[in-house]
Amino acid sequence: MSHRSIEVLIGRLITDEAFRRAFLNSPYSVIGSFILTGHELTATEIMALTATPADLWQLAAEQIDSRLQKASLSSVGF
């Protein structure tokens, strides 16, 4: 079972804006890259992650303290 990998992935989806944005734009690509870094996910877990409503990840991110968020400068207009 790859429960620890699920915890890591969900944690990143909630705390890392750039990772979340990439996942929402191309979930299978992000999952593939995640697996290539040594994490294990079953086919069932991948199906569950991609079937989860996309707005849930953003809503969860908005609900946690900003000090737990990884800053993203991509939205700053420099």
PDB file of N, CA and C in Angstrom:
ATOM      1  N   MET A   1       0.854  -1.186   0.000  1.00  0.00           N
ATOM      2  CA  MET A   1       0.000   0.000   0.000  1.00  0.00           C
ATOM      3  C   MET A   1       0.890   1.236   0.000  1.00  0.00           C
ATOM      4  N   SER A   2       0.410   2.262  -0.600  1.00  0.00           N
ATOM      5  CA  SER A   2       1.191   3.486  -0.774  1.00  0.00           C
ATOM      6  C   SER A   2       0.577   4.655  -0.010  1.00  0.00           C
ATOM      7  N   HIS A   3       0.041   4.365   1.136  1.00  0.00           N
ATOM      8  CA  HIS A   3      -0.665   5.407   1.895  1.00  0.00           C
ATOM      9  C   HIS A   3       0.223   6.626   2.178  1.00  0.00           C
ATOM     10  N   ARG A   4       1.479   6.398   2.468  1.00  0.00           N
ATOM     11  CA  ARG A   4       2.383   7.523   2.748  1.00  0.00           C
ATOM     12  C   ARG A   4       2.514   8.413   1.511  1.00  0.00           C
ATOM     13  N   SER A   5       2.577   7.819   0.339  1.00  0.00           N
ATOM     14  CA  SER A   5       2.661   8.609  -0.895  1.00  0.00           C
ATOM     15  C   SER A   5       1.410   9.452  -1.103  1.00  0.00           C
ATOM     16  N   ILE A   6       0.265   8.900  -0.770  1.00  0.00           N
ATOM     17  CA  ILE A   6      -0.988   9.663  -0.862  1.00  0.00           C
ATOM     18  C   ILE A   6      -0.936  10.857   0.082  1.00  0.00           C
ATOM     19  N   GLU A   7      -0.459  10.638   1.294  1.00  0.00           N
ATOM     20  CA  GLU A   7      -0.349  11.730   2.263  1.00  0.00           C
ATOM     21  C   GLU A   7       0.563  12.834   1.734  1.00  0.00           C
ATOM     22  N   VAL A   8       1.680  12.459   1.151  1.00  0.00           N
ATOM     23  CA  VAL A   8       2.619  13.437   0.614  1.00  0.00           C
ATOM     24  C   VAL A   8       1.983  14.197  -0.546  1.00  0.00           C
ATOM     25  N   LEU A   9       1.348  13.476  -1.455  1.00  0.00           N
ATOM     26  CA  LEU A   9       0.736  14.123  -2.617  1.00  0.00           C
ATOM     27  C   LEU A   9      -0.383  15.074  -2.211  1.00  0.00           C
ATOM     28  N   ILE A  10      -1.257  14.646  -1.334  1.00  0.00           N
ATOM     29  CA  ILE A  10      -2.348  15.508  -0.884  1.00  0.00           C
ATOM     30  C   ILE A  10      -1.791  16.716  -0.130  1.00  0.00           C
ATOM     31  N   GLY A  11      -0.780  16.496   0.682  1.00  0.00           N
ATOM     32  CA  GLY A  11      -0.142  17.618   1.370  1.00  0.00           C
ATOM     33  C   GLY A  11       0.384  18.650   0.392  1.00  0.00           C
ATOM     34  N   ARG A  12       1.019  18.193  -0.658  1.00  0.00           N
ATOM     35  CA  ARG A  12       1.538  19.129  -1.660  1.00  0.00           C
ATOM     36  C   ARG A  12       0.402  19.821  -2.407  1.00  0.00           C
ATOM     37  N   LEU A  13      -0.666  19.085  -2.712  1.00  0.00           N
ATOM     38  CA  LEU A  13      -1.800  19.702  -3.407  1.00  0.00           C
ATOM     39  C   LEU A  13      -2.405  20.835  -2.582  1.00  0.00           C
ATOM     40  N   ILE A  14      -2.377  20.689  -1.289  1.00  0.00           N
ATOM     41  CA  ILE A  14      -2.991  21.685  -0.416  1.00  0.00           C
ATOM     42  C   ILE A  14      -2.041  22.822  -0.068  1.00  0.00           C
ATOM     43  N   THR A  15      -0.750  22.551  -0.017  1.00  0.00           N
ATOM     44  CA  THR A  15       0.184  23.580   0.456  1.00  0.00           C
ATOM     45  C   THR A  15       1.065  24.198  -0.621  1.00  0.00           C
ATOM     46  N   ASP A  16       1.091  23.637  -1.817  1.00  0.00           N
ATOM     47  CA  ASP A  16       1.997  24.111  -2.863  1.00  0.00           C
ATOM     48  C   ASP A  16       1.179  24.575  -4.078  1.00  0.00           C
ATOM     49  N   GLU A  17       1.036  25.885  -4.199  1.00  0.00           N
ATOM     50  CA  GLU A  17       0.180  26.458  -5.245  1.00  0.00           C
ATOM     51  C   GLU A  17       0.617  26.054  -6.651  1.00  0.00           C
ATOM     52  N   ALA A  18       1.906  26.103  -6.916  1.00  0.00           N
ATOM     53  CA  ALA A  18       2.398  25.759  -8.253  1.00  0.00           C
ATOM     54  C   ALA A  18       2.143  24.280  -8.561  1.00  0.00           C
ATOM     55  N   PHE A  19       2.359  23.425  -7.589  1.00  0.00           N
ATOM     56  CA  PHE A  19       2.104  21.991  -7.759  1.00  0.00           C
ATOM     57  C   PHE A  19       0.623  21.753  -8.011  1.00  0.00           C
ATOM     58  N   ARG A  20      -0.231  22.416  -7.217  1.00  0.00           N
ATOM     59  CA  ARG A  20      -1.682  22.279  -7.364  1.00  0.00           C
ATOM     60  C   ARG A  20      -2.127  22.741  -8.743  1.00  0.00           C
ATOM     61  N   ARG A  21      -1.620  23.872  -9.195  1.00  0.00           N
ATOM     62  CA  ARG A  21      -1.983  24.397 -10.507  1.00  0.00           C
ATOM     63  C   ARG A  21      -1.573  23.419 -11.614  1.00  0.00           C
ATOM     64  N   ALA A  22      -0.358  22.885 -11.501  1.00  0.00           N
ATOM     65  CA  ALA A  22       0.123  21.919 -12.493  1.00  0.00           C
ATOM     66  C   ALA A  22      -0.759  20.667 -12.486  1.00  0.00           C
ATOM     67  N   PHE A  23      -1.128  20.194 -11.291  1.00  0.00           N
ATOM     68  CA  PHE A  23      -1.987  19.019 -11.177  1.00  0.00           C
ATOM     69  C   PHE A  23      -3.351  19.274 -11.809  1.00  0.00           C
ATOM     70  N   LEU A  24      -3.911  20.435 -11.559  1.00  0.00           N
ATOM     71  CA  LEU A  24      -5.230  20.739 -12.113  1.00  0.00           C
ATOM     72  C   LEU A  24      -5.191  20.855 -13.635  1.00  0.00           C
ATOM     73  N   ASN A  25      -4.079  21.305 -14.173  1.00  0.00           N
ATOM     74  CA  ASN A  25      -3.934  21.437 -15.624  1.00  0.00           C
ATOM     75  C   ASN A  25      -3.599  20.119 -16.310  1.00  0.00           C
ATOM     76  N   SER A  26      -2.855  19.258 -15.614  1.00  0.00           N
ATOM     77  CA  SER A  26      -2.393  18.009 -16.228  1.00  0.00           C
ATOM     78  C   SER A  26      -2.154  16.957 -15.143  1.00  0.00           C
ATOM     79  N   PRO A  27      -3.235  16.409 -14.580  1.00  0.00           N
ATOM     80  CA  PRO A  27      -3.078  15.519 -13.432  1.00  0.00           C
ATOM     81  C   PRO A  27      -2.233  14.277 -13.710  1.00  0.00           C
ATOM     82  N   TYR A  28      -2.401  13.662 -14.859  1.00  0.00           N
ATOM     83  CA  TYR A  28      -1.650  12.435 -15.131  1.00  0.00           C
ATOM     84  C   TYR A  28      -0.165  12.710 -15.309  1.00  0.00           C
ATOM     85  N   SER A  29       0.172  13.847 -15.874  1.00  0.00           N
ATOM     86  CA  SER A  29       1.569  14.224 -16.023  1.00  0.00           C
ATOM     87  C   SER A  29       2.211  14.450 -14.663  1.00  0.00           C
ATOM     88  N   VAL A  30       1.524  15.167 -13.787  1.00  0.00           N
ATOM     89  CA  VAL A  30       2.044  15.435 -12.441  1.00  0.00           C
ATOM     90  C   VAL A  30       2.156  14.136 -11.648  1.00  0.00           C
ATOM     91  N   ILE A  31       1.171  13.289 -11.746  1.00  0.00           N
ATOM     92  CA  ILE A  31       1.227  12.006 -11.043  1.00  0.00           C
ATOM     93  C   ILE A  31       2.390  11.173 -11.575  1.00  0.00           C
ATOM     94  N   GLY A  32       2.582  11.168 -12.884  1.00  0.00           N
ATOM     95  CA  GLY A  32       3.701  10.433 -13.468  1.00  0.00           C
ATOM     96  C   GLY A  32       5.041  10.937 -12.951  1.00  0.00           C
ATOM     97  N   SER A  33       5.202  12.247 -12.894  1.00  0.00           N
ATOM     98  CA  SER A  33       6.435  12.838 -12.370  1.00  0.00           C
ATOM     99  C   SER A  33       6.604  12.501 -10.888  1.00  0.00           C
ATOM    100  N   PHE A  34       5.515  12.522 -10.158  1.00  0.00           N
ATOM    101  CA  PHE A  34       5.533  12.191  -8.733  1.00  0.00           C
ATOM    102  C   PHE A  34       6.018  10.754  -8.534  1.00  0.00           C
ATOM    103  N   ILE A  35       5.522   9.851  -9.346  1.00  0.00           N
ATOM    104  CA  ILE A  35       5.922   8.450  -9.264  1.00  0.00           C
ATOM    105  C   ILE A  35       7.401   8.300  -9.630  1.00  0.00           C
ATOM    106  N   LEU A  36       7.865   9.056 -10.611  1.00  0.00           N
ATOM    107  CA  LEU A  36       9.270   8.985 -11.022  1.00  0.00           C
ATOM    108  C   LEU A  36      10.230   9.444  -9.921  1.00  0.00           C
ATOM    109  N   THR A  37       9.723  10.210  -8.964  1.00  0.00           N
ATOM    110  CA  THR A  37      10.581  10.647  -7.848  1.00  0.00           C
ATOM    111  C   THR A  37      10.653   9.591  -6.744  1.00  0.00           C
ATOM    112  N   GLY A  38      10.047   8.430  -6.974  1.00  0.00           N
ATOM    113  CA  GLY A  38      10.161   7.334  -6.020  1.00  0.00           C
ATOM    114  C   GLY A  38       8.920   7.039  -5.206  1.00  0.00           C
ATOM    115  N   HIS A  39       7.854   7.761  -5.454  1.00  0.00           N
ATOM    116  CA  HIS A  39       6.609   7.517  -4.723  1.00  0.00           C
ATOM    117  C   HIS A  39       5.804   6.432  -5.433  1.00  0.00           C
ATOM    118  N   GLU A  40       5.059   5.691  -4.664  1.00  0.00           N
ATOM    119  CA  GLU A  40       4.230   4.629  -5.214  1.00  0.00           C
ATOM    120  C   GLU A  40       2.761   5.001  -5.090  1.00  0.00           C
ATOM    121  N   LEU A  41       2.027   4.786  -6.165  1.00  0.00           N
ATOM    122  CA  LEU A  41       0.575   4.963  -6.161  1.00  0.00           C
ATOM    123  C   LEU A  41      -0.037   3.802  -6.932  1.00  0.00           C
ATOM    124  N   THR A  42      -1.124   3.278  -6.416  1.00  0.00           N
ATOM    125  CA  THR A  42      -1.830   2.219  -7.127  1.00  0.00           C
ATOM    126  C   THR A  42      -2.740   2.838  -8.177  1.00  0.00           C
ATOM    127  N   ALA A  43      -3.203   2.008  -9.096  1.00  0.00           N
ATOM    128  CA  ALA A  43      -4.143   2.480 -10.118  1.00  0.00           C
ATOM    129  C   ALA A  43      -5.413   3.005  -9.461  1.00  0.00           C
ATOM    130  N   THR A  44      -5.856   2.367  -8.398  1.00  0.00           N
ATOM    131  CA  THR A  44      -7.064   2.814  -7.682  1.00  0.00           C
ATOM    132  C   THR A  44      -6.843   4.189  -7.072  1.00  0.00           C
ATOM    133  N   GLU A  45      -5.675   4.413  -6.495  1.00  0.00           N
ATOM    134  CA  GLU A  45      -5.377   5.714  -5.902  1.00  0.00           C
ATOM    135  C   GLU A  45      -5.309   6.797  -6.970  1.00  0.00           C
ATOM    136  N   ILE A  46      -4.719   6.476  -8.100  1.00  0.00           N
ATOM    137  CA  ILE A  46      -4.650   7.447  -9.195  1.00  0.00           C
ATOM    138  C   ILE A  46      -6.047   7.793  -9.684  1.00  0.00           C
ATOM    139  N   MET A  47      -6.897   6.788  -9.840  1.00  0.00           N
ATOM    140  CA  MET A  47      -8.280   7.048 -10.269  1.00  0.00           C
ATOM    141  C   MET A  47      -9.014   7.909  -9.241  1.00  0.00           C
ATOM    142  N   ALA A  48      -8.798   7.642  -7.957  1.00  0.00           N
ATOM    143  CA  ALA A  48      -9.468   8.414  -6.908  1.00  0.00           C
ATOM    144  C   ALA A  48      -8.981   9.862  -6.903  1.00  0.00           C
ATOM    145  N   LEU A  49      -7.682  10.058  -7.051  1.00  0.00           N
ATOM    146  CA  LEU A  49      -7.138  11.423  -7.083  1.00  0.00           C
ATOM    147  C   LEU A  49      -7.678  12.217  -8.261  1.00  0.00           C
ATOM    148  N   THR A  50      -7.719  11.603  -9.415  1.00  0.00           N
ATOM    149  CA  THR A  50      -8.188  12.327 -10.603  1.00  0.00           C
ATOM    150  C   THR A  50      -9.708  12.482 -10.623  1.00  0.00           C
ATOM    151  N   ALA A  51     -10.417  11.660  -9.873  1.00  0.00           N
ATOM    152  CA  ALA A  51     -11.882  11.778  -9.792  1.00  0.00           C
ATOM    153  C   ALA A  51     -12.325  12.782  -8.734  1.00  0.00           C
ATOM    154  N   THR A  52     -11.420  13.187  -7.859  1.00  0.00           N
ATOM    155  CA  THR A  52     -11.749  14.159  -6.818  1.00  0.00           C
ATOM    156  C   THR A  52     -12.043  15.503  -7.477  1.00  0.00           C
ATOM    157  N   PRO A  53     -13.145  16.151  -7.116  1.00  0.00           N
ATOM    158  CA  PRO A  53     -13.461  17.450  -7.720  1.00  0.00           C
ATOM    159  C   PRO A  53     -12.299  18.437  -7.569  1.00  0.00           C
ATOM    160  N   ALA A  54     -11.921  19.055  -8.657  1.00  0.00           N
ATOM    161  CA  ALA A  54     -10.763  19.951  -8.691  1.00  0.00           C
ATOM    162  C   ALA A  54     -10.876  21.089  -7.688  1.00  0.00           C
ATOM    163  N   ASP A  55     -12.069  21.600  -7.489  1.00  0.00           N
ATOM    164  CA  ASP A  55     -12.214  22.738  -6.575  1.00  0.00           C
ATOM    165  C   ASP A  55     -11.972  22.358  -5.112  1.00  0.00           C
ATOM    166  N   LEU A  56     -12.004  21.074  -4.790  1.00  0.00           N
ATOM    167  CA  LEU A  56     -11.721  20.648  -3.419  1.00  0.00           C
ATOM    168  C   LEU A  56     -10.306  21.018  -3.013  1.00  0.00           C
ATOM    169  N   TRP A  57      -9.327  20.830  -3.929  1.00  0.00           N
ATOM    170  CA  TRP A  57      -7.934  21.124  -3.597  1.00  0.00           C
ATOM    171  C   TRP A  57      -7.749  22.616  -3.301  1.00  0.00           C
ATOM    172  N   GLN A  58      -8.374  23.467  -4.090  1.00  0.00           N
ATOM    173  CA  GLN A  58      -8.269  24.905  -3.870  1.00  0.00           C
ATOM    174  C   GLN A  58      -8.983  25.316  -2.586  1.00  0.00           C
ATOM    175  N   LEU A  59     -10.150  24.770  -2.363  1.00  0.00           N
ATOM    176  CA  LEU A  59     -10.908  25.077  -1.148  1.00  0.00           C
ATOM    177  C   LEU A  59     -10.128  24.671   0.098  1.00  0.00           C
ATOM    178  N   ALA A  60      -9.542  23.488   0.081  1.00  0.00           N
ATOM    179  CA  ALA A  60      -8.744  23.034   1.218  1.00  0.00           C
ATOM    180  C   ALA A  60      -7.550  23.957   1.436  1.00  0.00           C
ATOM    181  N   ALA A  61      -6.901  24.371   0.344  1.00  0.00           N
ATOM    182  CA  ALA A  61      -5.741  25.262   0.448  1.00  0.00           C
ATOM    183  C   ALA A  61      -6.130  26.603   1.072  1.00  0.00           C
ATOM    184  N   GLU A  62      -7.311  27.093   0.745  1.00  0.00           N
ATOM    185  CA  GLU A  62      -7.765  28.380   1.279  1.00  0.00           C
ATOM    186  C   GLU A  62      -8.111  28.302   2.759  1.00  0.00           C
ATOM    187  N   GLN A  63      -8.366  27.101   3.265  1.00  0.00           N
ATOM    188  CA  GLN A  63      -8.803  26.941   4.641  1.00  0.00           C
ATOM    189  C   GLN A  63      -7.662  26.772   5.639  1.00  0.00           C
ATOM    190  N   ILE A  64      -6.466  26.445   5.169  1.00  0.00           N
ATOM    191  CA  ILE A  64      -5.371  26.262   6.115  1.00  0.00           C
ATOM    192  C   ILE A  64      -4.590  27.562   6.282  1.00  0.00           C
ATOM    193  N   ASP A  65      -3.930  27.674   7.391  1.00  0.00           N
ATOM    194  CA  ASP A  65      -3.156  28.868   7.713  1.00  0.00           C
ATOM    195  C   ASP A  65      -2.122  29.143   6.622  1.00  0.00           C
ATOM    196  N   SER A  66      -2.007  30.376   6.212  1.00  0.00           N
ATOM    197  CA  SER A  66      -1.098  30.750   5.128  1.00  0.00           C
ATOM    198  C   SER A  66       0.363  30.453   5.455  1.00  0.00           C
ATOM    199  N   ARG A  67       0.674  30.334   6.729  1.00  0.00           N
ATOM    200  CA  ARG A  67       2.053  30.003   7.106  1.00  0.00           C
ATOM    201  C   ARG A  67       2.423  28.577   6.722  1.00  0.00           C
ATOM    202  N   LEU A  68       1.428  27.777   6.387  1.00  0.00           N
ATOM    203  CA  LEU A  68       1.679  26.408   5.949  1.00  0.00           C
ATOM    204  C   LEU A  68       1.753  26.300   4.430  1.00  0.00           C
ATOM    205  N   GLN A  69       1.530  27.408   3.753  1.00  0.00           N
ATOM    206  CA  GLN A  69       1.525  27.427   2.294  1.00  0.00           C
ATOM    207  C   GLN A  69       2.915  27.718   1.741  1.00  0.00           C
ATOM    208  N   LYS A  70       3.243  27.079   0.652  1.00  0.00           N
ATOM    209  CA  LYS A  70       4.465  27.385  -0.072  1.00  0.00           C
ATOM    210  C   LYS A  70       4.153  28.572  -0.964  1.00  0.00           C
ATOM    211  N   ALA A  71       4.936  29.627  -0.861  1.00  0.00           N
ATOM    212  CA  ALA A  71       4.691  30.843  -1.624  1.00  0.00           C
ATOM    213  C   ALA A  71       4.933  30.601  -3.104  1.00  0.00           C
ATOM    214  N   SER A  72       4.094  31.206  -3.928  1.00  0.00           N
ATOM    215  CA  SER A  72       4.259  31.145  -5.376  1.00  0.00           C
ATOM    216  C   SER A  72       4.302  32.565  -5.891  1.00  0.00           C
ATOM    217  N   LEU A  73       5.326  32.861  -6.643  1.00  0.00           N
ATOM    218  CA  LEU A  73       5.475  34.209  -7.208  1.00  0.00           C
ATOM    219  C   LEU A  73       4.942  34.295  -8.629  1.00  0.00           C
ATOM    220  N   SER A  74       4.407  33.202  -9.146  1.00  0.00           N
ATOM    221  CA  SER A  74       3.950  33.174 -10.533  1.00  0.00           C
ATOM    222  C   SER A  74       2.799  34.126 -10.804  1.00  0.00           C
ATOM    223  N   SER A  75       2.019  34.462  -9.790  1.00  0.00           N
ATOM    224  CA  SER A  75       0.880  35.362 -10.006  1.00  0.00           C
ATOM    225  C   SER A  75       1.255  36.822  -9.843  1.00  0.00           C
ATOM    226  N   VAL A  76       2.502  37.089  -9.459  1.00  0.00           N
ATOM    227  CA  VAL A  76       2.960  38.468  -9.294  1.00  0.00           C
ATOM    228  C   VAL A  76       3.391  38.989 -10.648  1.00  0.00           C
ATOM    229  N   GLY A  77       2.918  40.159 -11.003  1.00  0.00           N
ATOM    230  CA  GLY A  77       3.196  40.700 -12.327  1.00  0.00           C
ATOM    231  C   GLY A  77       4.511  41.454 -12.431  1.00  0.00           C
ATOM    232  N   PHE A  78       5.627  40.766 -12.463  1.00  0.00           N
ATOM    233  CA  PHE A  78       6.932  41.408 -12.613  1.00  0.00           C
ATOM    234  C   PHE A  78       7.402  41.277 -14.036  1.00  0.00           C
TER     235      PHE A  78
END
